[in-house]
Amino acid sequence: MAEREPRPSATKTSTRPRPPKPAEAARRACEQLDSLIVHETEGVSGVTRDEDGWVVSVDVLEVARIPDTTSLLATYEVHIDQRGELQEYRRVRRYRRGAADDC
């Protein structure tokens, strides 16, 4: 009986890395921002997809005060590319923890 030649795979493997999902982009944004600033990240308040990757809004505790409602927080806009690498960040807002947004 003759041996069969291996059939080419029906699925092609891509050399491009898979872009991160929103939760992964948020986690990577927090980790990379932590390595660049001295303040503690509190959480993520937004994740938006753009043409180059993700824009993640990360909330950061900048000045801890007592009582905690008077602490100063900031929101940083962090741009993550398709590979999950930080491209840029900037502080877009600074506010007191107990303050409500203007509507």
Protein backbone atom coordinates (compact mmCIF):
# COMPACT_ATOMS: atom_id res chain seq x y z
CA MET A 1 0.00 0.00 0.00
CA ALA A 2 1.38 3.42 -0.98
CA GLU A 3 2.01 6.01 1.72
CA ARG A 4 -0.11 9.13 1.62
CA GLU A 5 1.38 12.56 1.43
CA PRO A 6 0.31 14.81 4.29
CA ARG A 7 -2.55 17.05 3.31
CA PRO A 8 -2.05 20.79 3.69
CA SER A 9 -3.83 22.18 6.69
CA ALA A 10 -7.22 23.74 6.01
CA THR A 11 -6.57 26.42 8.59
CA LYS A 12 -3.82 28.92 8.01
CA THR A 13 -1.75 30.06 10.93
CA SER A 14 -1.42 33.78 11.14
CA THR A 15 1.87 35.43 11.98
CA ARG A 16 0.04 38.41 13.45
CA PRO A 17 -0.59 38.22 17.19
CA ARG A 18 -4.19 38.01 18.32
CA PRO A 19 -5.32 41.43 19.60
CA PRO A 20 -6.17 41.46 23.31
CA LYS A 21 -9.79 41.26 24.40
CA PRO A 22 -11.20 44.18 26.46
CA ALA A 23 -10.48 42.60 29.86
CA GLU A 24 -6.93 41.73 28.83
CA ALA A 25 -6.37 45.24 27.44
CA ALA A 26 -7.59 46.73 30.73
CA ARG A 27 -5.32 44.48 32.78
CA ARG A 28 -2.30 45.25 30.60
CA ALA A 29 -3.03 49.00 30.74
CA CYS A 30 -3.09 48.92 34.56
CA GLU A 31 0.11 46.86 34.79
CA GLN A 32 2.03 49.06 32.37
CA LEU A 33 0.77 52.31 33.90
CA ASP A 34 1.77 51.01 37.36
CA SER A 35 5.33 50.58 36.11
CA LEU A 36 5.48 54.22 34.96
CA ILE A 37 3.82 56.19 37.75
CA VAL A 38 4.24 56.10 41.52
CA HIS A 39 0.53 56.16 42.33
CA GLU A 40 -1.70 53.17 43.03
CA THR A 41 -4.28 52.19 40.39
CA GLU A 42 -7.81 51.83 41.75
CA GLY A 43 -9.60 50.34 38.77
CA VAL A 44 -10.79 50.80 35.21
CA SER A 45 -13.71 53.07 34.38
CA GLY A 46 -13.76 52.57 30.61
CA VAL A 47 -12.44 50.52 27.70
CA THR A 48 -12.94 51.68 24.11
CA ARG A 49 -11.75 50.07 20.89
CA ASP A 50 -10.03 52.33 18.36
CA GLU A 51 -8.32 51.73 15.01
CA ASP A 52 -4.91 51.12 16.64
CA GLY A 53 -5.99 49.00 19.62
CA TRP A 54 -7.65 50.11 22.86
CA VAL A 55 -8.12 53.26 24.92
CA VAL A 56 -8.45 52.40 28.61
CA SER A 57 -9.51 54.87 31.33
CA VAL A 58 -7.65 53.96 34.51
CA ASP A 59 -8.54 55.52 37.88
CA VAL A 60 -5.58 56.21 40.15
CA LEU A 61 -5.30 57.25 43.81
CA GLU A 62 -2.96 60.26 43.70
CA VAL A 63 -3.31 61.68 47.24
CA ALA A 64 -4.69 59.55 50.08
CA ARG A 65 -6.43 61.60 52.78
CA ILE A 66 -8.47 61.02 55.90
CA PRO A 67 -11.42 60.86 55.62
CA ASP A 68 -11.14 58.78 52.45
CA THR A 69 -13.88 60.79 50.74
CA THR A 70 -11.45 63.73 50.50
CA SER A 71 -8.72 61.70 48.75
CA LEU A 72 -7.64 62.94 45.32
CA LEU A 73 -8.03 60.59 42.38
CA ALA A 74 -7.19 60.96 38.71
CA THR A 75 -8.28 59.31 35.50
CA TYR A 76 -5.54 58.40 33.04
CA GLU A 77 -6.25 57.66 29.39
CA VAL A 78 -3.99 54.77 28.36
CA HIS A 79 -3.56 53.78 24.70
CA ILE A 80 -2.74 50.10 24.10
CA ASP A 81 -1.81 48.80 20.64
CA GLN A 82 -2.93 45.58 18.91
CA ARG A 83 -0.17 43.62 20.69
CA GLY A 84 -1.23 44.92 24.11
CA GLU A 85 1.73 47.28 24.47
CA LEU A 86 1.35 50.76 25.94
CA GLN A 87 1.75 53.46 23.31
CA GLU A 88 0.91 56.56 25.35
CA TYR A 89 -0.86 57.75 28.45
CA ARG A 90 -2.00 61.05 29.90
CA ARG A 91 -3.94 62.32 32.88
CA VAL A 92 -7.30 63.63 31.70
CA ARG A 93 -9.06 64.39 34.96
CA ARG A 94 -8.35 64.94 38.66
CA TYR A 95 -11.12 64.87 41.27
CA ARG A 96 -12.03 64.35 44.91
CA ARG A 97 -13.29 60.83 45.69
CA GLY A 98 -16.58 62.09 47.13
CA ALA A 99 -17.31 64.49 44.26
CA ALA A 100 -19.97 63.64 41.68
CA ASP A 101 -19.55 64.28 37.97
CA ASP A 102 -21.29 67.33 36.52
CA CYS A 103 -24.24 66.24 34.41
